[in-house]
Amino acid sequence: MHRFPNPEDITPTEFELMVKSWFESVADSLDEFTAQHLETIQGSDGEFAFDVTVRFTAFHGAKFLVVAECKKHTSPIKRDIVQILNDKKRSIGAHKGFVISTSPFQSGAQEYALKHGIALCQVHSGNIAYIQANAARIPPKIEADADPYVATFPCRMADGKVFPVALIARKRTYWLEQFLLESRPEDN
């Protein structure tokens, strides 16, 4: 039987590098893609360090900068963490921001993130990717190289409705690609 690790067991560095690998898994669908771990960027009001930064080109030459903060906390993430990332994102001119956490997000953090276009992702054991309704009660086949951890986040559909849980992992990149390329009026 395949055993998945608990997100509490991942080290902070392993966590950050795993998130970087998730972004790298979409590199083939984007031009001039680079991802960095622990990059410091000069902003309009100071220098800021980020756990993961991603740069790519899309739409025939538009250059994008995405920043991500990885939070390995035991209590729910508060609004101020999302606000700080948004302030840093604006200062350096980044287009997208992610807060990726091993714990859930408080409602204030969720409301702020939705209003400001910040993705909130919660890390789970990789077994969540295999939980499904199955009338025959037959466990799904789990590949030997299954992702040990995955992330979930709410995402906005084309009709404006919020889909409650989208999945991100190295092999499940659709929602991550959609968020990276999503254009919001305040982003333009």
N, C-alpha and C. Protein backbone atom coordinates (compact mmCIF):
# COMPACT_ATOMS: atom_id res chain seq x y z
N MET A 1 0.83 -1.18 0.00
CA MET A 1 0.00 0.00 0.00
C MET A 1 0.88 1.25 0.00
N HIS A 2 0.55 2.20 -0.84
CA HIS A 2 1.31 3.45 -0.96
C HIS A 2 1.06 4.33 0.27
N ARG A 3 2.12 4.82 0.87
CA ARG A 3 2.01 5.70 2.04
C ARG A 3 2.42 7.11 1.64
N PHE A 4 1.57 8.07 1.94
CA PHE A 4 1.88 9.47 1.67
C PHE A 4 2.32 10.15 2.96
N PRO A 5 3.30 11.04 2.87
CA PRO A 5 3.76 11.73 4.07
C PRO A 5 2.77 12.80 4.53
N ASN A 6 2.91 13.20 5.77
CA ASN A 6 2.09 14.25 6.36
C ASN A 6 2.77 15.59 6.07
N PRO A 7 2.03 16.63 5.67
CA PRO A 7 2.66 17.94 5.42
C PRO A 7 3.42 18.50 6.61
N GLU A 8 3.09 18.07 7.82
CA GLU A 8 3.83 18.53 8.98
C GLU A 8 5.28 18.04 8.97
N ASP A 9 5.54 16.97 8.21
CA ASP A 9 6.87 16.37 8.19
C ASP A 9 7.84 17.03 7.22
N ILE A 10 7.36 17.86 6.32
CA ILE A 10 8.24 18.48 5.33
C ILE A 10 9.04 19.61 5.98
N THR A 11 10.30 19.73 5.62
CA THR A 11 11.11 20.83 6.16
C THR A 11 10.78 22.11 5.39
N PRO A 12 11.06 23.27 5.96
CA PRO A 12 10.78 24.52 5.24
C PRO A 12 11.49 24.59 3.87
N THR A 13 12.72 24.16 3.80
CA THR A 13 13.44 24.19 2.52
C THR A 13 12.85 23.21 1.53
N GLU A 14 12.54 21.99 1.98
CA GLU A 14 11.88 21.02 1.09
C GLU A 14 10.55 21.57 0.57
N PHE A 15 9.82 22.24 1.44
CA PHE A 15 8.54 22.84 1.09
C PHE A 15 8.72 23.88 -0.02
N GLU A 16 9.66 24.80 0.16
CA GLU A 16 9.91 25.84 -0.84
C GLU A 16 10.36 25.24 -2.17
N LEU A 17 11.24 24.26 -2.11
CA LEU A 17 11.72 23.63 -3.35
C LEU A 17 10.61 22.82 -4.04
N MET A 18 9.71 22.24 -3.27
CA MET A 18 8.57 21.53 -3.85
C MET A 18 7.67 22.52 -4.59
N VAL A 19 7.41 23.67 -3.99
CA VAL A 19 6.59 24.69 -4.64
C VAL A 19 7.27 25.16 -5.92
N LYS A 20 8.55 25.36 -5.87
CA LYS A 20 9.31 25.75 -7.07
C LYS A 20 9.13 24.69 -8.15
N SER A 21 9.19 23.41 -7.77
CA SER A 21 9.03 22.33 -8.76
C SER A 21 7.63 22.32 -9.36
N TRP A 22 6.61 22.70 -8.58
CA TRP A 22 5.26 22.78 -9.13
C TRP A 22 5.21 23.82 -10.25
N PHE A 23 5.81 24.97 -10.00
CA PHE A 23 5.85 26.00 -11.05
C PHE A 23 6.67 25.52 -12.25
N GLU A 24 7.77 24.85 -11.99
CA GLU A 24 8.60 24.36 -13.09
C GLU A 24 7.87 23.33 -13.94
N SER A 25 6.87 22.68 -13.37
CA SER A 25 6.12 21.68 -14.14
C SER A 25 5.29 22.29 -15.26
N VAL A 26 5.08 23.61 -15.24
CA VAL A 26 4.35 24.28 -16.33
C VAL A 26 5.29 24.98 -17.30
N ALA A 27 6.58 24.84 -17.11
CA ALA A 27 7.57 25.56 -17.92
C ALA A 27 7.42 25.30 -19.41
N ASP A 28 7.07 24.08 -19.80
CA ASP A 28 6.97 23.76 -21.23
C ASP A 28 5.85 24.51 -21.93
N SER A 29 4.86 24.98 -21.18
CA SER A 29 3.74 25.68 -21.80
C SER A 29 3.94 27.20 -21.82
N LEU A 30 5.08 27.68 -21.30
CA LEU A 30 5.36 29.11 -21.25
C LEU A 30 6.73 29.40 -21.86
N ASP A 31 6.88 30.56 -22.45
CA ASP A 31 8.16 30.95 -23.06
C ASP A 31 9.07 31.61 -22.03
N GLU A 32 10.37 31.44 -22.23
CA GLU A 32 11.39 32.09 -21.40
C GLU A 32 11.13 31.90 -19.92
N PHE A 33 10.80 30.71 -19.53
CA PHE A 33 10.43 30.40 -18.15
C PHE A 33 11.67 30.24 -17.27
N THR A 34 11.64 30.88 -16.10
CA THR A 34 12.64 30.64 -15.06
C THR A 34 11.95 30.65 -13.71
N ALA A 35 12.45 29.86 -12.79
CA ALA A 35 11.95 29.86 -11.41
C ALA A 35 13.16 29.90 -10.50
N GLN A 36 13.07 30.70 -9.44
CA GLN A 36 14.18 30.82 -8.50
C GLN A 36 13.69 30.60 -7.08
N HIS A 37 14.58 30.06 -6.28
CA HIS A 37 14.32 29.85 -4.86
C HIS A 37 15.08 30.93 -4.08
N LEU A 38 14.40 31.59 -3.16
CA LEU A 38 14.99 32.60 -2.29
C LEU A 38 15.65 33.74 -3.07
N GLU A 39 14.85 34.45 -3.82
CA GLU A 39 15.34 35.60 -4.57
C GLU A 39 14.98 36.89 -3.84
N THR A 40 15.90 37.84 -3.85
CA THR A 40 15.66 39.18 -3.30
C THR A 40 15.53 40.14 -4.48
N ILE A 41 14.47 40.96 -4.44
CA ILE A 41 14.17 41.89 -5.54
C ILE A 41 14.01 43.29 -4.96
N GLN A 42 14.60 44.28 -5.64
CA GLN A 42 14.47 45.68 -5.24
C GLN A 42 13.12 46.19 -5.69
N GLY A 43 12.36 46.76 -4.76
CA GLY A 43 11.07 47.35 -5.07
C GLY A 43 11.13 48.85 -4.98
N SER A 44 10.00 49.51 -5.15
CA SER A 44 9.94 50.97 -5.09
C SER A 44 10.14 51.49 -3.68
N ASP A 45 9.93 50.64 -2.66
CA ASP A 45 10.08 51.09 -1.28
C ASP A 45 10.88 50.11 -0.42
N GLY A 46 11.83 49.44 -1.04
CA GLY A 46 12.69 48.55 -0.28
C GLY A 46 13.03 47.29 -1.04
N GLU A 47 13.85 46.48 -0.39
CA GLU A 47 14.25 45.20 -0.95
C GLU A 47 13.43 44.11 -0.28
N PHE A 48 12.97 43.14 -1.08
CA PHE A 48 12.10 42.10 -0.55
C PHE A 48 12.59 40.73 -0.98
N ALA A 49 12.57 39.79 -0.03
CA ALA A 49 12.95 38.40 -0.30
C ALA A 49 11.68 37.58 -0.50
N PHE A 50 11.73 36.66 -1.46
CA PHE A 50 10.60 35.79 -1.75
C PHE A 50 11.08 34.34 -1.73
N ASP A 51 10.23 33.45 -1.28
CA ASP A 51 10.57 32.04 -1.24
C ASP A 51 10.75 31.48 -2.65
N VAL A 52 9.84 31.85 -3.55
CA VAL A 52 9.91 31.40 -4.95
C VAL A 52 9.49 32.55 -5.85
N THR A 53 10.24 32.75 -6.92
CA THR A 53 9.86 33.71 -7.96
C THR A 53 9.83 32.99 -9.29
N VAL A 54 8.92 33.41 -10.14
CA VAL A 54 8.75 32.81 -11.46
C VAL A 54 8.67 33.93 -12.48
N ARG A 55 9.41 33.77 -13.56
CA ARG A 55 9.34 34.72 -14.67
C ARG A 55 9.05 33.93 -15.94
N PHE A 56 8.20 34.50 -16.79
CA PHE A 56 7.91 33.87 -18.07
C PHE A 56 7.36 34.91 -19.03
N THR A 57 7.32 34.52 -20.29
CA THR A 57 6.76 35.36 -21.33
C THR A 57 5.55 34.64 -21.90
N ALA A 58 4.50 35.39 -22.17
CA ALA A 58 3.28 34.83 -22.76
C ALA A 58 2.64 35.89 -23.66
N PHE A 59 1.63 35.48 -24.38
CA PHE A 59 0.87 36.40 -25.24
C PHE A 59 1.78 37.20 -26.18
N HIS A 60 2.67 36.51 -26.85
CA HIS A 60 3.55 37.11 -27.87
C HIS A 60 4.44 38.21 -27.32
N GLY A 61 5.05 37.97 -26.16
CA GLY A 61 6.06 38.88 -25.67
C GLY A 61 5.80 39.56 -24.35
N ALA A 62 4.63 39.43 -23.76
CA ALA A 62 4.38 40.04 -22.46
C ALA A 62 5.16 39.29 -21.38
N LYS A 63 5.91 40.04 -20.58
CA LYS A 63 6.74 39.44 -19.53
C LYS A 63 6.00 39.49 -18.20
N PHE A 64 6.03 38.34 -17.48
CA PHE A 64 5.32 38.21 -16.22
C PHE A 64 6.29 37.88 -15.10
N LEU A 65 5.97 38.39 -13.92
CA LEU A 65 6.69 38.05 -12.69
C LEU A 65 5.66 37.58 -11.68
N VAL A 66 5.90 36.41 -11.11
CA VAL A 66 5.02 35.81 -10.11
C VAL A 66 5.85 35.58 -8.85
N VAL A 67 5.28 35.91 -7.69
CA VAL A 67 5.98 35.71 -6.43
C VAL A 67 5.16 34.78 -5.53
N ALA A 68 5.87 33.97 -4.76
CA ALA A 68 5.19 33.03 -3.87
C ALA A 68 5.88 33.02 -2.51
N GLU A 69 5.06 32.98 -1.49
CA GLU A 69 5.52 32.82 -0.12
C GLU A 69 5.02 31.48 0.39
N CYS A 70 5.88 30.71 1.02
CA CYS A 70 5.54 29.40 1.55
C CYS A 70 5.49 29.50 3.07
N LYS A 71 4.36 29.15 3.64
CA LYS A 71 4.15 29.29 5.09
C LYS A 71 3.90 27.93 5.71
N LYS A 72 4.86 27.48 6.51
CA LYS A 72 4.72 26.21 7.23
C LYS A 72 4.31 26.55 8.66
N HIS A 73 3.00 26.73 8.83
CA HIS A 73 2.45 27.13 10.12
C HIS A 73 1.56 26.03 10.67
N THR A 74 1.31 26.09 11.97
CA THR A 74 0.39 25.14 12.58
C THR A 74 -0.98 25.76 12.81
N SER A 75 -1.05 27.09 12.83
CA SER A 75 -2.34 27.76 13.00
C SER A 75 -2.76 28.40 11.67
N PRO A 76 -4.05 28.67 11.50
CA PRO A 76 -4.53 29.24 10.24
C PRO A 76 -3.84 30.56 9.88
N ILE A 77 -3.65 30.78 8.60
CA ILE A 77 -2.97 31.97 8.09
C ILE A 77 -3.90 33.17 8.20
N LYS A 78 -3.37 34.26 8.75
CA LYS A 78 -4.15 35.48 8.96
C LYS A 78 -4.05 36.41 7.76
N ARG A 79 -4.96 37.34 7.72
CA ARG A 79 -5.06 38.33 6.64
C ARG A 79 -3.76 39.10 6.45
N ASP A 80 -3.07 39.47 7.54
CA ASP A 80 -1.89 40.31 7.41
C ASP A 80 -0.79 39.65 6.57
N ILE A 81 -0.70 38.35 6.59
CA ILE A 81 0.31 37.67 5.76
C ILE A 81 0.00 37.88 4.28
N VAL A 82 -1.27 37.82 3.92
CA VAL A 82 -1.68 38.03 2.53
C VAL A 82 -1.49 39.50 2.15
N GLN A 83 -1.82 40.41 3.07
CA GLN A 83 -1.63 41.83 2.81
C GLN A 83 -0.16 42.17 2.57
N ILE A 84 0.71 41.61 3.38
CA ILE A 84 2.14 41.88 3.24
C ILE A 84 2.62 41.40 1.87
N LEU A 85 2.22 40.19 1.47
CA LEU A 85 2.62 39.71 0.15
C LEU A 85 2.09 40.64 -0.94
N ASN A 86 0.85 41.08 -0.82
CA ASN A 86 0.27 41.97 -1.84
C ASN A 86 1.05 43.29 -1.90
N ASP A 87 1.43 43.84 -0.76
CA ASP A 87 2.22 45.08 -0.74
C ASP A 87 3.58 44.87 -1.40
N LYS A 88 4.24 43.77 -1.09
CA LYS A 88 5.54 43.46 -1.70
C LYS A 88 5.38 43.25 -3.21
N LYS A 89 4.33 42.55 -3.60
CA LYS A 89 4.04 42.29 -5.02
C LYS A 89 3.89 43.62 -5.77
N ARG A 90 3.12 44.54 -5.22
CA ARG A 90 2.91 45.85 -5.86
C ARG A 90 4.22 46.63 -5.93
N SER A 91 5.00 46.60 -4.86
CA SER A 91 6.25 47.37 -4.81
C SER A 91 7.23 46.94 -5.90
N ILE A 92 7.29 45.65 -6.19
CA ILE A 92 8.26 45.18 -7.19
C ILE A 92 7.64 45.06 -8.58
N GLY A 93 6.33 45.31 -8.70
CA GLY A 93 5.66 45.24 -10.00
C GLY A 93 5.36 43.82 -10.46
N ALA A 94 5.18 42.90 -9.52
CA ALA A 94 4.84 41.52 -9.91
C ALA A 94 3.39 41.47 -10.37
N HIS A 95 3.09 40.47 -11.18
CA HIS A 95 1.75 40.32 -11.75
C HIS A 95 0.85 39.41 -10.95
N LYS A 96 1.41 38.42 -10.31
CA LYS A 96 0.64 37.43 -9.55
C LYS A 96 1.34 37.15 -8.23
N GLY A 97 0.55 36.72 -7.25
CA GLY A 97 1.10 36.34 -5.96
C GLY A 97 0.41 35.09 -5.43
N PHE A 98 1.18 34.27 -4.76
CA PHE A 98 0.69 33.04 -4.14
C PHE A 98 1.14 33.01 -2.68
N VAL A 99 0.24 32.62 -1.80
CA VAL A 99 0.61 32.23 -0.45
C VAL A 99 0.25 30.75 -0.37
N ILE A 100 1.26 29.94 -0.14
CA ILE A 100 1.08 28.49 -0.10
C ILE A 100 1.41 28.05 1.32
N SER A 101 0.46 27.36 1.95
CA SER A 101 0.58 27.07 3.37
C SER A 101 0.27 25.61 3.68
N THR A 102 0.85 25.15 4.77
CA THR A 102 0.53 23.82 5.28
C THR A 102 -0.70 23.86 6.19
N SER A 103 -1.19 25.06 6.48
CA SER A 103 -2.38 25.20 7.32
C SER A 103 -3.46 25.95 6.54
N PRO A 104 -4.71 25.91 7.01
CA PRO A 104 -5.78 26.61 6.30
C PRO A 104 -5.66 28.13 6.45
N PHE A 105 -6.57 28.85 5.80
CA PHE A 105 -6.57 30.30 5.81
C PHE A 105 -7.80 30.82 6.55
N GLN A 106 -7.61 31.85 7.38
CA GLN A 106 -8.74 32.47 8.05
C GLN A 106 -9.63 33.16 7.00
N SER A 107 -10.87 33.39 7.35
CA SER A 107 -11.82 33.99 6.40
C SER A 107 -11.38 35.38 5.94
N GLY A 108 -10.78 36.17 6.82
CA GLY A 108 -10.28 37.49 6.43
C GLY A 108 -9.18 37.41 5.38
N ALA A 109 -8.32 36.43 5.52
CA ALA A 109 -7.27 36.21 4.52
C ALA A 109 -7.88 35.81 3.19
N GLN A 110 -8.89 34.95 3.23
CA GLN A 110 -9.55 34.50 2.00
C GLN A 110 -10.25 35.66 1.30
N GLU A 111 -10.97 36.48 2.05
CA GLU A 111 -11.68 37.62 1.46
C GLU A 111 -10.71 38.61 0.83
N TYR A 112 -9.63 38.93 1.54
CA TYR A 112 -8.63 39.86 1.03
C TYR A 112 -7.98 39.30 -0.23
N ALA A 113 -7.61 38.04 -0.20
CA ALA A 113 -6.96 37.41 -1.35
C ALA A 113 -7.87 37.42 -2.57
N LEU A 114 -9.13 37.11 -2.40
CA LEU A 114 -10.07 37.10 -3.52
C LEU A 114 -10.20 38.49 -4.13
N LYS A 115 -10.26 39.51 -3.30
CA LYS A 115 -10.40 40.89 -3.78
C LYS A 115 -9.16 41.36 -4.53
N HIS A 116 -7.99 40.88 -4.11
CA HIS A 116 -6.74 41.37 -4.67
C HIS A 116 -6.04 40.39 -5.61
N GLY A 117 -6.69 39.28 -5.93
CA GLY A 117 -6.13 38.35 -6.90
C GLY A 117 -4.93 37.56 -6.43
N ILE A 118 -4.86 37.31 -5.14
CA ILE A 118 -3.77 36.50 -4.58
C ILE A 118 -4.29 35.06 -4.46
N ALA A 119 -3.52 34.10 -4.96
CA ALA A 119 -3.90 32.69 -4.85
C ALA A 119 -3.51 32.18 -3.48
N LEU A 120 -4.45 31.55 -2.80
CA LEU A 120 -4.17 30.90 -1.52
C LEU A 120 -4.24 29.40 -1.73
N CYS A 121 -3.14 28.72 -1.49
CA CYS A 121 -3.06 27.28 -1.71
C CYS A 121 -2.71 26.59 -0.40
N GLN A 122 -3.44 25.53 -0.10
CA GLN A 122 -3.13 24.75 1.09
C GLN A 122 -2.54 23.41 0.68
N VAL A 123 -1.42 23.07 1.30
CA VAL A 123 -0.73 21.82 1.01
C VAL A 123 -1.36 20.68 1.79
N HIS A 124 -1.52 19.56 1.11
CA HIS A 124 -2.09 18.36 1.72
C HIS A 124 -1.21 17.17 1.37
N SER A 125 -1.42 16.10 2.07
CA SER A 125 -0.79 14.84 1.70
C SER A 125 -1.25 14.48 0.29
N GLY A 126 -0.38 13.88 -0.49
CA GLY A 126 -0.71 13.52 -1.87
C GLY A 126 -1.89 12.59 -2.01
N ASN A 127 -2.31 11.94 -0.93
CA ASN A 127 -3.44 11.02 -1.05
C ASN A 127 -4.73 11.72 -1.41
N ILE A 128 -4.82 13.04 -1.21
CA ILE A 128 -6.04 13.76 -1.56
C ILE A 128 -6.31 13.70 -3.06
N ALA A 129 -5.27 13.52 -3.85
CA ALA A 129 -5.43 13.43 -5.30
C ALA A 129 -6.11 12.13 -5.71
N TYR A 130 -6.21 11.18 -4.79
CA TYR A 130 -6.77 9.87 -5.12
C TYR A 130 -8.07 9.58 -4.39
N ILE A 131 -8.55 10.54 -3.63
CA ILE A 131 -9.83 10.36 -2.94
C ILE A 131 -10.94 10.70 -3.93
N GLN A 132 -11.82 9.79 -4.14
CA GLN A 132 -12.89 10.02 -5.10
C GLN A 132 -14.06 9.10 -4.78
N ALA A 133 -15.23 9.48 -5.29
CA ALA A 133 -16.40 8.62 -5.13
C ALA A 133 -16.21 7.42 -6.04
N ASN A 134 -16.43 6.26 -5.50
CA ASN A 134 -16.23 5.05 -6.28
C ASN A 134 -17.31 4.05 -5.86
N ALA A 135 -18.29 3.86 -6.72
CA ALA A 135 -19.42 2.98 -6.40
C ALA A 135 -18.97 1.55 -6.13
N ALA A 136 -17.93 1.09 -6.82
CA ALA A 136 -17.46 -0.27 -6.65
C ALA A 136 -16.58 -0.44 -5.41
N ARG A 137 -16.22 0.69 -4.77
CA ARG A 137 -15.36 0.68 -3.58
C ARG A 137 -14.00 0.05 -3.86
N ILE A 138 -13.51 0.26 -5.05
CA ILE A 138 -12.18 -0.23 -5.43
C ILE A 138 -11.21 0.93 -5.32
N PRO A 139 -10.16 0.78 -4.54
CA PRO A 139 -9.20 1.88 -4.41
C PRO A 139 -8.55 2.20 -5.77
N PRO A 140 -8.32 3.48 -6.06
CA PRO A 140 -7.70 3.84 -7.32
C PRO A 140 -6.23 3.39 -7.35
N LYS A 141 -5.71 3.18 -8.54
CA LYS A 141 -4.30 2.82 -8.71
C LYS A 141 -3.46 4.06 -8.43
N ILE A 142 -2.49 3.91 -7.58
CA ILE A 142 -1.59 5.02 -7.25
C ILE A 142 -0.22 4.71 -7.83
N GLU A 143 0.26 5.62 -8.69
CA GLU A 143 1.56 5.42 -9.35
C GLU A 143 2.68 5.42 -8.32
N ALA A 144 3.74 4.72 -8.63
CA ALA A 144 4.89 4.65 -7.73
C ALA A 144 5.53 6.02 -7.52
N ASP A 145 5.47 6.88 -8.55
CA ASP A 145 6.07 8.21 -8.45
C ASP A 145 5.02 9.30 -8.17
N ALA A 146 3.94 8.93 -7.48
CA ALA A 146 2.88 9.88 -7.14
C ALA A 146 3.45 11.03 -6.32
N ASP A 147 2.91 12.22 -6.53
CA ASP A 147 3.35 13.38 -5.77
C ASP A 147 3.10 13.14 -4.28
N PRO A 148 4.12 13.34 -3.44
CA PRO A 148 3.91 13.12 -2.01
C PRO A 148 3.00 14.18 -1.39
N TYR A 149 3.00 15.38 -1.98
CA TYR A 149 2.17 16.48 -1.50
C TYR A 149 1.48 17.13 -2.69
N VAL A 150 0.32 17.67 -2.47
CA VAL A 150 -0.42 18.45 -3.47
C VAL A 150 -0.97 19.68 -2.77
N ALA A 151 -1.44 20.63 -3.55
CA ALA A 151 -2.06 21.82 -2.98
C ALA A 151 -3.45 21.99 -3.57
N THR A 152 -4.33 22.57 -2.78
CA THR A 152 -5.67 22.89 -3.26
C THR A 152 -5.87 24.40 -3.12
N PHE A 153 -6.68 24.94 -4.02
CA PHE A 153 -7.05 26.34 -3.89
C PHE A 153 -8.36 26.59 -4.62
N PRO A 154 -9.13 27.59 -4.15
CA PRO A 154 -10.34 27.94 -4.88
C PRO A 154 -9.95 28.74 -6.11
N CYS A 155 -10.63 28.52 -7.23
CA CYS A 155 -10.29 29.27 -8.43
C CYS A 155 -11.57 29.77 -9.10
N ARG A 156 -11.42 30.86 -9.82
CA ARG A 156 -12.53 31.49 -10.51
C ARG A 156 -12.69 30.87 -11.89
N MET A 157 -13.92 30.49 -12.21
CA MET A 157 -14.23 29.91 -13.51
C MET A 157 -14.50 31.05 -14.51
N ALA A 158 -14.58 30.71 -15.80
CA ALA A 158 -14.81 31.70 -16.83
C ALA A 158 -16.11 32.47 -16.61
N ASP A 159 -17.10 31.83 -16.01
CA ASP A 159 -18.38 32.49 -15.76
C ASP A 159 -18.37 33.33 -14.48
N GLY A 160 -17.22 33.42 -13.80
CA GLY A 160 -17.10 34.23 -12.60
C GLY A 160 -17.35 33.48 -11.31
N LYS A 161 -17.91 32.29 -11.38
CA LYS A 161 -18.16 31.50 -10.18
C LYS A 161 -16.85 30.94 -9.65
N VAL A 162 -16.81 30.70 -8.36
CA VAL A 162 -15.60 30.15 -7.74
C VAL A 162 -15.76 28.64 -7.61
N PHE A 163 -14.82 27.92 -8.21
CA PHE A 163 -14.77 26.46 -8.10
C PHE A 163 -14.08 26.17 -6.76
N PRO A 164 -14.70 25.39 -5.88
CA PRO A 164 -14.17 25.28 -4.52
C PRO A 164 -12.79 24.68 -4.38
N VAL A 165 -12.43 23.69 -5.17
CA VAL A 165 -11.13 23.06 -4.98
C VAL A 165 -10.50 22.70 -6.31
N ALA A 166 -9.42 23.38 -6.64
CA ALA A 166 -8.60 23.02 -7.78
C ALA A 166 -7.32 22.40 -7.21
N LEU A 167 -6.73 21.49 -7.94
CA LEU A 167 -5.59 20.74 -7.45
C LEU A 167 -4.32 21.13 -8.20
N ILE A 168 -3.23 21.30 -7.46
CA ILE A 168 -1.92 21.59 -8.05
C ILE A 168 -0.95 20.50 -7.61
N ALA A 169 -0.21 19.99 -8.56
CA ALA A 169 0.87 19.05 -8.29
C ALA A 169 1.74 19.03 -9.55
N ARG A 170 2.85 18.36 -9.50
CA ARG A 170 3.73 18.31 -10.68
C ARG A 170 3.02 17.75 -11.90
N LYS A 171 2.14 16.78 -11.70
CA LYS A 171 1.45 16.14 -12.81
C LYS A 171 0.07 16.72 -13.07
N ARG A 172 -0.36 17.63 -12.25
CA ARG A 172 -1.70 18.22 -12.37
C ARG A 172 -1.54 19.73 -12.44
N THR A 173 -1.26 20.23 -13.63
CA THR A 173 -0.87 21.63 -13.79
C THR A 173 -1.93 22.54 -14.39
N TYR A 174 -3.07 21.99 -14.80
CA TYR A 174 -4.06 22.79 -15.51
C TYR A 174 -4.45 24.06 -14.76
N TRP A 175 -4.84 23.94 -13.49
CA TRP A 175 -5.32 25.11 -12.75
C TRP A 175 -4.19 26.09 -12.48
N LEU A 176 -2.99 25.62 -12.27
CA LEU A 176 -1.85 26.51 -12.07
C LEU A 176 -1.60 27.32 -13.34
N GLU A 177 -1.61 26.68 -14.49
CA GLU A 177 -1.44 27.40 -15.77
C GLU A 177 -2.53 28.43 -15.95
N GLN A 178 -3.78 28.07 -15.65
CA GLN A 178 -4.89 29.00 -15.82
C GLN A 178 -4.72 30.23 -14.94
N PHE A 179 -4.30 30.03 -13.70
CA PHE A 179 -4.12 31.18 -12.80
C PHE A 179 -2.97 32.06 -13.26
N LEU A 180 -1.88 31.45 -13.70
CA LEU A 180 -0.74 32.25 -14.15
C LEU A 180 -1.09 33.14 -15.33
N LEU A 181 -1.94 32.65 -16.21
CA LEU A 181 -2.27 33.40 -17.43
C LEU A 181 -3.54 34.23 -17.30
N GLU A 182 -4.26 34.10 -16.19
CA GLU A 182 -5.50 34.86 -15.99
C GLU A 182 -5.19 36.35 -15.96
N SER A 183 -6.03 37.12 -16.64
CA SER A 183 -5.88 38.57 -16.64
C SER A 183 -7.04 39.19 -15.88
N ARG A 184 -6.72 40.02 -14.92
CA ARG A 184 -7.74 40.73 -14.15
C ARG A 184 -7.63 42.21 -14.49
N PRO A 185 -8.74 42.96 -14.46
CA PRO A 185 -8.68 44.38 -14.79
C PRO A 185 -7.63 45.14 -13.99
N GLU A 186 -7.49 44.84 -12.69
CA GLU A 186 -6.52 45.57 -11.89
C GLU A 186 -5.08 45.14 -12.17
N ASP A 187 -4.90 44.02 -12.91
CA ASP A 187 -3.56 43.59 -13.29
C ASP A 187 -3.05 44.34 -14.50
N ASN A 188 -3.93 44.92 -15.28
CA ASN A 188 -3.54 45.58 -16.55
C ASN A 188 -3.13 47.02 -16.31
